Amino acid sequence: YEDNMRSIKTQYKISQKNTSCHTGIIGSYFIEGHVPASDIKELLEKQPDIAGLTVPGMPAGINVPGMEVSDEKANFDVLAIDSNGKSSVWAHYE
């Protein structure tokens, strides 16, 4: 448990545009925001050469884990962030 999440986000080089409300660390990877469990499982199975996964901001919808405050599905991307901070789409949800 860490009270100073800014220091964790800085340590893992999570840029402001890729931040969200929650940060978790699994092995050498960060998980930022409401990343679906299926994407985390895939990350751990494939062990790609990336720094982590993020769902920037806080999209809300029945398909966003922990953010089911709307009866609608959210349109959002899970982004893979490489060690240089460059993002690419890991998964897209509608």
PDB file of N, CA and C in Angstrom:
ATOM      1  N   TYR A   1       0.841  -1.180   0.000  1.00  0.00           N
ATOM      2  CA  TYR A   1       0.000   0.000   0.000  1.00  0.00           C
ATOM      3  C   TYR A   1       0.879   1.233   0.000  1.00  0.00           C
ATOM      4  N   GLU A   2       0.525   2.223  -0.816  1.00  0.00           N
ATOM      5  CA  GLU A   2       1.318   3.454  -0.952  1.00  0.00           C
ATOM      6  C   GLU A   2       0.379   4.647  -0.931  1.00  0.00           C
ATOM      7  N   ASP A   3       0.656   5.612  -0.048  1.00  0.00           N
ATOM      8  CA  ASP A   3      -0.152   6.833   0.014  1.00  0.00           C
ATOM      9  C   ASP A   3       0.193   7.812  -1.101  1.00  0.00           C
ATOM     10  N   ASN A   4       1.451   7.862  -1.501  1.00  0.00           N
ATOM     11  CA  ASN A   4       1.908   8.827  -2.495  1.00  0.00           C
ATOM     12  C   ASN A   4       1.904   8.192  -3.880  1.00  0.00           C
ATOM     13  N   MET A   5       0.738   8.187  -4.516  1.00  0.00           N
ATOM     14  CA  MET A   5       0.619   7.549  -5.824  1.00  0.00           C
ATOM     15  C   MET A   5       1.363   8.313  -6.912  1.00  0.00           C
ATOM     16  N   ARG A   6       1.551   9.599  -6.751  1.00  0.00           N
ATOM     17  CA  ARG A   6       2.302  10.354  -7.751  1.00  0.00           C
ATOM     18  C   ARG A   6       3.716   9.803  -7.885  1.00  0.00           C
ATOM     19  N   SER A   7       4.337   9.423  -6.765  1.00  0.00           N
ATOM     20  CA  SER A   7       5.698   8.889  -6.829  1.00  0.00           C
ATOM     21  C   SER A   7       5.725   7.549  -7.555  1.00  0.00           C
ATOM     22  N   ILE A   8       4.694   6.726  -7.374  1.00  0.00           N
ATOM     23  CA  ILE A   8       4.609   5.444  -8.085  1.00  0.00           C
ATOM     24  C   ILE A   8       4.416   5.698  -9.578  1.00  0.00           C
ATOM     25  N   LYS A   9       3.504   6.605  -9.921  1.00  0.00           N
ATOM     26  CA  LYS A   9       3.260   6.922 -11.334  1.00  0.00           C
ATOM     27  C   LYS A   9       4.533   7.475 -11.981  1.00  0.00           C
ATOM     28  N   THR A  10       5.285   8.284 -11.244  1.00  0.00           N
ATOM     29  CA  THR A  10       6.547   8.825 -11.753  1.00  0.00           C
ATOM     30  C   THR A  10       7.583   7.718 -11.902  1.00  0.00           C
ATOM     31  N   GLN A  11       7.698   6.858 -10.910  1.00  0.00           N
ATOM     32  CA  GLN A  11       8.664   5.761 -10.951  1.00  0.00           C
ATOM     33  C   GLN A  11       8.430   4.863 -12.162  1.00  0.00           C
ATOM     34  N   TYR A  12       7.172   4.606 -12.491  1.00  0.00           N
ATOM     35  CA  TYR A  12       6.841   3.744 -13.621  1.00  0.00           C
ATOM     36  C   TYR A  12       6.633   4.527 -14.921  1.00  0.00           C
ATOM     37  N   LYS A  13       6.925   5.825 -14.889  1.00  0.00           N
ATOM     38  CA  LYS A  13       6.873   6.697 -16.069  1.00  0.00           C
ATOM     39  C   LYS A  13       5.499   6.690 -16.737  1.00  0.00           C
ATOM     40  N   ILE A  14       4.451   6.756 -15.909  1.00  0.00           N
ATOM     41  CA  ILE A  14       3.088   6.833 -16.420  1.00  0.00           C
ATOM     42  C   ILE A  14       2.784   8.307 -16.644  1.00  0.00           C
ATOM     43  N   SER A  15       2.673   8.707 -17.894  1.00  0.00           N
ATOM     44  CA  SER A  15       2.465  10.119 -18.211  1.00  0.00           C
ATOM     45  C   SER A  15       1.084  10.574 -17.752  1.00  0.00           C
ATOM     46  N   GLN A  16       0.945  11.877 -17.590  1.00  0.00           N
ATOM     47  CA  GLN A  16      -0.323  12.466 -17.151  1.00  0.00           C
ATOM     48  C   GLN A  16      -1.460  12.068 -18.080  1.00  0.00           C
ATOM     49  N   LYS A  17      -1.219  12.003 -19.384  1.00  0.00           N
ATOM     50  CA  LYS A  17      -2.299  11.671 -20.323  1.00  0.00           C
ATOM     51  C   LYS A  17      -2.736  10.206 -20.213  1.00  0.00           C
ATOM     52  N   ASN A  18      -1.922   9.368 -19.577  1.00  0.00           N
ATOM     53  CA  ASN A  18      -2.250   7.950 -19.432  1.00  0.00           C
ATOM     54  C   ASN A  18      -2.665   7.565 -18.022  1.00  0.00           C
ATOM     55  N   THR A  19      -2.826   8.551 -17.140  1.00  0.00           N
ATOM     56  CA  THR A  19      -3.169   8.228 -15.752  1.00  0.00           C
ATOM     57  C   THR A  19      -4.662   8.007 -15.575  1.00  0.00           C
ATOM     58  N   SER A  20      -4.961   7.377 -14.460  1.00  0.00           N
ATOM     59  CA  SER A  20      -6.329   7.141 -14.044  1.00  0.00           C
ATOM     60  C   SER A  20      -6.356   7.186 -12.526  1.00  0.00           C
ATOM     61  N   CYS A  21      -7.378   6.610 -11.952  1.00  0.00           N
ATOM     62  CA  CYS A  21      -7.586   6.706 -10.507  1.00  0.00           C
ATOM     63  C   CYS A  21      -6.823   5.655  -9.707  1.00  0.00           C
ATOM     64  N   HIS A  22      -6.493   4.531 -10.293  1.00  0.00           N
ATOM     65  CA  HIS A  22      -5.861   3.433  -9.570  1.00  0.00           C
ATOM     66  C   HIS A  22      -4.573   3.016 -10.274  1.00  0.00           C
ATOM     67  N   THR A  23      -3.587   2.630  -9.494  1.00  0.00           N
ATOM     68  CA  THR A  23      -2.342   2.097 -10.044  1.00  0.00           C
ATOM     69  C   THR A  23      -1.990   0.828  -9.287  1.00  0.00           C
ATOM     70  N   GLY A  24      -1.745  -0.228 -10.033  1.00  0.00           N
ATOM     71  CA  GLY A  24      -1.309  -1.482  -9.439  1.00  0.00           C
ATOM     72  C   GLY A  24      -0.027  -1.933 -10.098  1.00  0.00           C
ATOM     73  N   ILE A  25       0.736  -2.715  -9.376  1.00  0.00           N
ATOM     74  CA  ILE A  25       1.984  -3.254  -9.903  1.00  0.00           C
ATOM     75  C   ILE A  25       1.902  -4.776  -9.809  1.00  0.00           C
ATOM     76  N   ILE A  26       2.146  -5.448 -10.919  1.00  0.00           N
ATOM     77  CA  ILE A  26       2.192  -6.906 -10.965  1.00  0.00           C
ATOM     78  C   ILE A  26       3.525  -7.277 -11.604  1.00  0.00           C
ATOM     79  N   GLY A  27       4.432  -7.814 -10.815  1.00  0.00           N
ATOM     80  CA  GLY A  27       5.769  -8.106 -11.332  1.00  0.00           C
ATOM     81  C   GLY A  27       6.419  -6.812 -11.767  1.00  0.00           C
ATOM     82  N   SER A  28       6.840  -6.752 -13.016  1.00  0.00           N
ATOM     83  CA  SER A  28       7.472  -5.537 -13.538  1.00  0.00           C
ATOM     84  C   SER A  28       6.481  -4.636 -14.277  1.00  0.00           C
ATOM     85  N   TYR A  29       5.216  -5.022 -14.340  1.00  0.00           N
ATOM     86  CA  TYR A  29       4.198  -4.273 -15.083  1.00  0.00           C
ATOM     87  C   TYR A  29       3.371  -3.376 -14.171  1.00  0.00           C
ATOM     88  N   PHE A  30       2.942  -2.239 -14.717  1.00  0.00           N
ATOM     89  CA  PHE A  30       1.932  -1.441 -14.025  1.00  0.00           C
ATOM     90  C   PHE A  30       0.585  -1.685 -14.688  1.00  0.00           C
ATOM     91  N   ILE A  31      -0.457  -1.561 -13.898  1.00  0.00           N
ATOM     92  CA  ILE A  31      -1.834  -1.599 -14.374  1.00  0.00           C
ATOM     93  C   ILE A  31      -2.463  -0.310 -13.878  1.00  0.00           C
ATOM     94  N   GLU A  32      -2.871   0.521 -14.797  1.00  0.00           N
ATOM     95  CA  GLU A  32      -3.375   1.850 -14.465  1.00  0.00           C
ATOM     96  C   GLU A  32      -4.845   1.948 -14.852  1.00  0.00           C
ATOM     97  N   GLY A  33      -5.695   2.224 -13.875  1.00  0.00           N
ATOM     98  CA  GLY A  33      -7.115   2.416 -14.146  1.00  0.00           C
ATOM     99  C   GLY A  33      -7.887   1.108 -14.175  1.00  0.00           C
ATOM    100  N   HIS A  34      -9.038   1.144 -14.807  1.00  0.00           N
ATOM    101  CA  HIS A  34      -9.985   0.038 -14.812  1.00  0.00           C
ATOM    102  C   HIS A  34      -9.733  -0.906 -15.990  1.00  0.00           C
ATOM    103  N   VAL A  35      -8.592  -1.565 -15.965  1.00  0.00           N
ATOM    104  CA  VAL A  35      -8.218  -2.522 -17.017  1.00  0.00           C
ATOM    105  C   VAL A  35      -8.983  -3.823 -16.765  1.00  0.00           C
ATOM    106  N   PRO A  36      -9.699  -4.337 -17.771  1.00  0.00           N
ATOM    107  CA  PRO A  36     -10.416  -5.596 -17.590  1.00  0.00           C
ATOM    108  C   PRO A  36      -9.469  -6.750 -17.230  1.00  0.00           C
ATOM    109  N   ALA A  37      -9.965  -7.652 -16.387  1.00  0.00           N
ATOM    110  CA  ALA A  37      -9.166  -8.790 -15.924  1.00  0.00           C
ATOM    111  C   ALA A  37      -8.655  -9.638 -17.082  1.00  0.00           C
ATOM    112  N   SER A  38      -9.441  -9.771 -18.142  1.00  0.00           N
ATOM    113  CA  SER A  38      -9.008 -10.586 -19.288  1.00  0.00           C
ATOM    114  C   SER A  38      -7.746 -10.007 -19.926  1.00  0.00           C
ATOM    115  N   ASP A  39      -7.614  -8.696 -19.935  1.00  0.00           N
ATOM    116  CA  ASP A  39      -6.419  -8.070 -20.498  1.00  0.00           C
ATOM    117  C   ASP A  39      -5.210  -8.268 -19.582  1.00  0.00           C
ATOM    118  N   ILE A  40      -5.436  -8.227 -18.285  1.00  0.00           N
ATOM    119  CA  ILE A  40      -4.349  -8.461 -17.332  1.00  0.00           C
ATOM    120  C   ILE A  40      -3.874  -9.909 -17.444  1.00  0.00           C
ATOM    121  N   LYS A  41      -4.805 -10.846 -17.551  1.00  0.00           N
ATOM    122  CA  LYS A  41      -4.442 -12.253 -17.710  1.00  0.00           C
ATOM    123  C   LYS A  41      -3.636 -12.466 -18.986  1.00  0.00           C
ATOM    124  N   GLU A  42      -4.063 -11.829 -20.075  1.00  0.00           N
ATOM    125  CA  GLU A  42      -3.334 -11.940 -21.345  1.00  0.00           C
ATOM    126  C   GLU A  42      -1.925 -11.363 -21.208  1.00  0.00           C
ATOM    127  N   LEU A  43      -1.802 -10.230 -20.539  1.00  0.00           N
ATOM    128  CA  LEU A  43      -0.499  -9.605 -20.300  1.00  0.00           C
ATOM    129  C   LEU A  43       0.425 -10.584 -19.578  1.00  0.00           C
ATOM    130  N   LEU A  44      -0.079 -11.208 -18.525  1.00  0.00           N
ATOM    131  CA  LEU A  44       0.746 -12.113 -17.730  1.00  0.00           C
ATOM    132  C   LEU A  44       1.082 -13.403 -18.475  1.00  0.00           C
ATOM    133  N   GLU A  45       0.183 -13.841 -19.360  1.00  0.00           N
ATOM    134  CA  GLU A  45       0.452 -15.043 -20.162  1.00  0.00           C
ATOM    135  C   GLU A  45       1.491 -14.773 -21.248  1.00  0.00           C
ATOM    136  N   LYS A  46       1.351 -13.634 -21.942  1.00  0.00           N
ATOM    137  CA  LYS A  46       2.228 -13.324 -23.079  1.00  0.00           C
ATOM    138  C   LYS A  46       3.557 -12.700 -22.671  1.00  0.00           C
ATOM    139  N   GLN A  47       3.591 -12.002 -21.525  1.00  0.00           N
ATOM    140  CA  GLN A  47       4.810 -11.347 -21.034  1.00  0.00           C
ATOM    141  C   GLN A  47       5.485 -10.475 -22.118  1.00  0.00           C
ATOM    142  N   PRO A  48       4.722  -9.559 -22.739  1.00  0.00           N
ATOM    143  CA  PRO A  48       5.317  -8.718 -23.787  1.00  0.00           C
ATOM    144  C   PRO A  48       6.317  -7.725 -23.202  1.00  0.00           C
ATOM    145  N   ASP A  49       7.134  -7.183 -24.059  1.00  0.00           N
ATOM    146  CA  ASP A  49       8.144  -6.204 -23.657  1.00  0.00           C
ATOM    147  C   ASP A  49       7.509  -4.818 -23.613  1.00  0.00           C
ATOM    148  N   ILE A  50       6.658  -4.604 -22.617  1.00  0.00           N
ATOM    149  CA  ILE A  50       6.020  -3.304 -22.403  1.00  0.00           C
ATOM    150  C   ILE A  50       6.144  -2.963 -20.923  1.00  0.00           C
ATOM    151  N   ALA A  51       5.819  -1.716 -20.589  1.00  0.00           N
ATOM    152  CA  ALA A  51       5.871  -1.286 -19.189  1.00  0.00           C
ATOM    153  C   ALA A  51       4.570  -1.587 -18.458  1.00  0.00           C
ATOM    154  N   GLY A  52       3.447  -1.519 -19.175  1.00  0.00           N
ATOM    155  CA  GLY A  52       2.179  -1.797 -18.528  1.00  0.00           C
ATOM    156  C   GLY A  52       0.978  -1.482 -19.389  1.00  0.00           C
ATOM    157  N   LEU A  53      -0.197  -1.610 -18.779  1.00  0.00           N
ATOM    158  CA  LEU A  53      -1.473  -1.347 -19.445  1.00  0.00           C
ATOM    159  C   LEU A  53      -2.209  -0.243 -18.711  1.00  0.00           C
ATOM    160  N   THR A  54      -2.967   0.547 -19.463  1.00  0.00           N
ATOM    161  CA  THR A  54      -3.735   1.623 -18.866  1.00  0.00           C
ATOM    162  C   THR A  54      -5.068   1.816 -19.576  1.00  0.00           C
ATOM    163  N   VAL A  55      -6.050   2.226 -18.797  1.00  0.00           N
ATOM    164  CA  VAL A  55      -7.298   2.772 -19.310  1.00  0.00           C
ATOM    165  C   VAL A  55      -7.335   4.197 -18.762  1.00  0.00           C
ATOM    166  N   PRO A  56      -6.872   5.155 -19.570  1.00  0.00           N
ATOM    167  CA  PRO A  56      -6.803   6.544 -19.087  1.00  0.00           C
ATOM    168  C   PRO A  56      -8.179   7.096 -18.730  1.00  0.00           C
ATOM    169  N   GLY A  57      -8.177   8.003 -17.771  1.00  0.00           N
ATOM    170  CA  GLY A  57      -9.429   8.622 -17.351  1.00  0.00           C
ATOM    171  C   GLY A  57     -10.279   7.625 -16.592  1.00  0.00           C
ATOM    172  N   MET A  58     -11.552   7.854 -16.615  1.00  0.00           N
ATOM    173  CA  MET A  58     -12.474   6.959 -15.909  1.00  0.00           C
ATOM    174  C   MET A  58     -13.721   6.726 -16.742  1.00  0.00           C
ATOM    175  N   PRO A  59     -13.619   5.952 -17.845  1.00  0.00           N
ATOM    176  CA  PRO A  59     -14.818   5.672 -18.630  1.00  0.00           C
ATOM    177  C   PRO A  59     -15.829   4.909 -17.780  1.00  0.00           C
ATOM    178  N   ALA A  60     -17.094   5.151 -18.004  1.00  0.00           N
ATOM    179  CA  ALA A  60     -18.144   4.489 -17.231  1.00  0.00           C
ATOM    180  C   ALA A  60     -19.083   3.746 -18.170  1.00  0.00           C
ATOM    181  N   GLY A  61     -19.434   2.536 -17.781  1.00  0.00           N
ATOM    182  CA  GLY A  61     -20.362   1.728 -18.563  1.00  0.00           C
ATOM    183  C   GLY A  61     -20.419   0.318 -18.024  1.00  0.00           C
ATOM    184  N   ILE A  62     -21.388  -0.456 -18.504  1.00  0.00           N
ATOM    185  CA  ILE A  62     -21.560  -1.804 -17.994  1.00  0.00           C
ATOM    186  C   ILE A  62     -20.406  -2.733 -18.360  1.00  0.00           C
ATOM    187  N   ASN A  63     -19.554  -2.325 -19.298  1.00  0.00           N
ATOM    188  CA  ASN A  63     -18.416  -3.156 -19.696  1.00  0.00           C
ATOM    189  C   ASN A  63     -17.091  -2.681 -19.100  1.00  0.00           C
ATOM    190  N   VAL A  64     -17.136  -1.753 -18.161  1.00  0.00           N
ATOM    191  CA  VAL A  64     -15.922  -1.249 -17.512  1.00  0.00           C
ATOM    192  C   VAL A  64     -15.913  -1.768 -16.071  1.00  0.00           C
ATOM    193  N   PRO A  65     -14.949  -2.628 -15.726  1.00  0.00           N
ATOM    194  CA  PRO A  65     -14.951  -3.187 -14.370  1.00  0.00           C
ATOM    195  C   PRO A  65     -14.865  -2.105 -13.299  1.00  0.00           C
ATOM    196  N   GLY A  66     -15.813  -2.142 -12.373  1.00  0.00           N
ATOM    197  CA  GLY A  66     -15.844  -1.167 -11.289  1.00  0.00           C
ATOM    198  C   GLY A  66     -16.503   0.149 -11.647  1.00  0.00           C
ATOM    199  N   MET A  67     -16.885   0.326 -12.892  1.00  0.00           N
ATOM    200  CA  MET A  67     -17.500   1.586 -13.333  1.00  0.00           C
ATOM    201  C   MET A  67     -18.860   1.340 -13.990  1.00  0.00           C
ATOM    202  N   GLU A  68     -19.600   0.371 -13.481  1.00  0.00           N
ATOM    203  CA  GLU A  68     -20.895  -0.004 -14.047  1.00  0.00           C
ATOM    204  C   GLU A  68     -21.999   0.925 -13.552  1.00  0.00           C
ATOM    205  N   VAL A  69     -21.772   2.229 -13.647  1.00  0.00           N
ATOM    206  CA  VAL A  69     -22.730   3.219 -13.152  1.00  0.00           C
ATOM    207  C   VAL A  69     -23.717   3.660 -14.226  1.00  0.00           C
ATOM    208  N   SER A  70     -23.573   3.105 -15.407  1.00  0.00           N
ATOM    209  CA  SER A  70     -24.445   3.431 -16.523  1.00  0.00           C
ATOM    210  C   SER A  70     -24.971   2.126 -17.115  1.00  0.00           C
ATOM    211  N   ASP A  71     -26.158   2.173 -17.704  1.00  0.00           N
ATOM    212  CA  ASP A  71     -26.716   0.991 -18.363  1.00  0.00           C
ATOM    213  C   ASP A  71     -26.170   0.827 -19.779  1.00  0.00           C
ATOM    214  N   GLU A  72     -25.376   1.777 -20.217  1.00  0.00           N
ATOM    215  CA  GLU A  72     -24.785   1.751 -21.560  1.00  0.00           C
ATOM    216  C   GLU A  72     -23.382   1.163 -21.505  1.00  0.00           C
ATOM    217  N   LYS A  73     -22.937   0.622 -22.635  1.00  0.00           N
ATOM    218  CA  LYS A  73     -21.546   0.184 -22.737  1.00  0.00           C
ATOM    219  C   LYS A  73     -20.683   1.397 -23.073  1.00  0.00           C
ATOM    220  N   ALA A  74     -19.487   1.413 -22.501  1.00  0.00           N
ATOM    221  CA  ALA A  74     -18.534   2.490 -22.791  1.00  0.00           C
ATOM    222  C   ALA A  74     -17.706   2.112 -24.011  1.00  0.00           C
ATOM    223  N   ASN A  75     -17.274   3.113 -24.728  1.00  0.00           N
ATOM    224  CA  ASN A  75     -16.365   2.939 -25.854  1.00  0.00           C
ATOM    225  C   ASN A  75     -14.997   3.374 -25.342  1.00  0.00           C
ATOM    226  N   PHE A  76     -14.067   2.418 -25.131  1.00  0.00           N
ATOM    227  CA  PHE A  76     -12.765   2.775 -24.578  1.00  0.00           C
ATOM    228  C   PHE A  76     -11.682   1.830 -25.067  1.00  0.00           C
ATOM    229  N   ASP A  77     -10.459   2.293 -24.945  1.00  0.00           N
ATOM    230  CA  ASP A  77      -9.288   1.499 -25.305  1.00  0.00           C
ATOM    231  C   ASP A  77      -8.478   1.164 -24.070  1.00  0.00           C
ATOM    232  N   VAL A  78      -7.914  -0.030 -24.076  1.00  0.00           N
ATOM    233  CA  VAL A  78      -6.854  -0.392 -23.143  1.00  0.00           C
ATOM    234  C   VAL A  78      -5.569  -0.156 -23.915  1.00  0.00           C
ATOM    235  N   LEU A  79      -4.684   0.658 -23.359  1.00  0.00           N
ATOM    236  CA  LEU A  79      -3.442   0.995 -24.042  1.00  0.00           C
ATOM    237  C   LEU A  79      -2.272   0.241 -23.433  1.00  0.00           C
ATOM    238  N   ALA A  80      -1.388  -0.223 -24.294  1.00  0.00           N
ATOM    239  CA  ALA A  80      -0.102  -0.783 -23.874  1.00  0.00           C
ATOM    240  C   ALA A  80       0.897   0.362 -23.931  1.00  0.00           C
ATOM    241  N   ILE A  81       1.699   0.505 -22.890  1.00  0.00           N
ATOM    242  CA  ILE A  81       2.697   1.571 -22.822  1.00  0.00           C
ATOM    243  C   ILE A  81       4.078   0.924 -22.834  1.00  0.00           C
ATOM    244  N   ASP A  82       4.915   1.345 -23.785  1.00  0.00           N
ATOM    245  CA  ASP A  82       6.259   0.761 -23.834  1.00  0.00           C
ATOM    246  C   ASP A  82       7.193   1.493 -22.876  1.00  0.00           C
ATOM    247  N   SER A  83       8.420   1.044 -22.801  1.00  0.00           N
ATOM    248  CA  SER A  83       9.372   1.604 -21.831  1.00  0.00           C
ATOM    249  C   SER A  83       9.736   3.053 -22.127  1.00  0.00           C
ATOM    250  N   ASN A  84       9.444   3.531 -23.343  1.00  0.00           N
ATOM    251  CA  ASN A  84       9.685   4.932 -23.693  1.00  0.00           C
ATOM    252  C   ASN A  84       8.446   5.800 -23.495  1.00  0.00           C
ATOM    253  N   GLY A  85       7.358   5.199 -23.020  1.00  0.00           N
ATOM    254  CA  GLY A  85       6.126   5.949 -22.793  1.00  0.00           C
ATOM    255  C   GLY A  85       5.198   6.013 -23.983  1.00  0.00           C
ATOM    256  N   LYS A  86       5.571   5.360 -25.083  1.00  0.00           N
ATOM    257  CA  LYS A  86       4.729   5.361 -26.288  1.00  0.00           C
ATOM    258  C   LYS A  86       3.569   4.394 -26.088  1.00  0.00           C
ATOM    259  N   SER A  87       2.378   4.830 -26.501  1.00  0.00           N
ATOM    260  CA  SER A  87       1.201   3.988 -26.334  1.00  0.00           C
ATOM    261  C   SER A  87       0.744   3.386 -27.647  1.00  0.00           C
ATOM    262  N   SER A  88       0.106   2.221 -27.539  1.00  0.00           N
ATOM    263  CA  SER A  88      -0.549   1.570 -28.669  1.00  0.00           C
ATOM    264  C   SER A  88      -1.789   0.879 -28.108  1.00  0.00           C
ATOM    265  N   VAL A  89      -2.759   0.630 -28.960  1.00  0.00           N
ATOM    266  CA  VAL A  89      -4.008   0.011 -28.503  1.00  0.00           C
ATOM    267  C   VAL A  89      -3.765  -1.476 -28.264  1.00  0.00           C
ATOM    268  N   TRP A  90      -4.004  -1.895 -27.042  1.00  0.00           N
ATOM    269  CA  TRP A  90      -3.913  -3.310 -26.653  1.00  0.00           C
ATOM    270  C   TRP A  90      -5.262  -3.993 -26.950  1.00  0.00           C
ATOM    271  N   ALA A  91      -6.360  -3.317 -26.577  1.00  0.00           N
ATOM    272  CA  ALA A  91      -7.704  -3.840 -26.807  1.00  0.00           C
ATOM    273  C   ALA A  91      -8.680  -2.678 -26.918  1.00  0.00           C
ATOM    274  N   HIS A  92      -9.734  -2.891 -27.692  1.00  0.00           N
ATOM    275  CA  HIS A  92     -10.773  -1.864 -27.857  1.00  0.00           C
ATOM    276  C   HIS A  92     -12.104  -2.462 -27.419  1.00  0.00           C
ATOM    277  N   TYR A  93     -12.873  -1.680 -26.679  1.00  0.00           N
ATOM    278  CA  TYR A  93     -14.178  -2.112 -26.189  1.00  0.00           C
ATOM    279  C   TYR A  93     -15.248  -1.126 -26.639  1.00  0.00           C
ATOM    280  N   GLU A  94     -16.398  -1.668 -27.051  1.00  0.00           N
ATOM    281  CA  GLU A  94     -17.553  -0.836 -27.432  1.00  0.00           C
ATOM    282  C   GLU A  94     -18.770  -1.319 -26.695  1.00  0.00           C
TER     283      GLU A  94
END
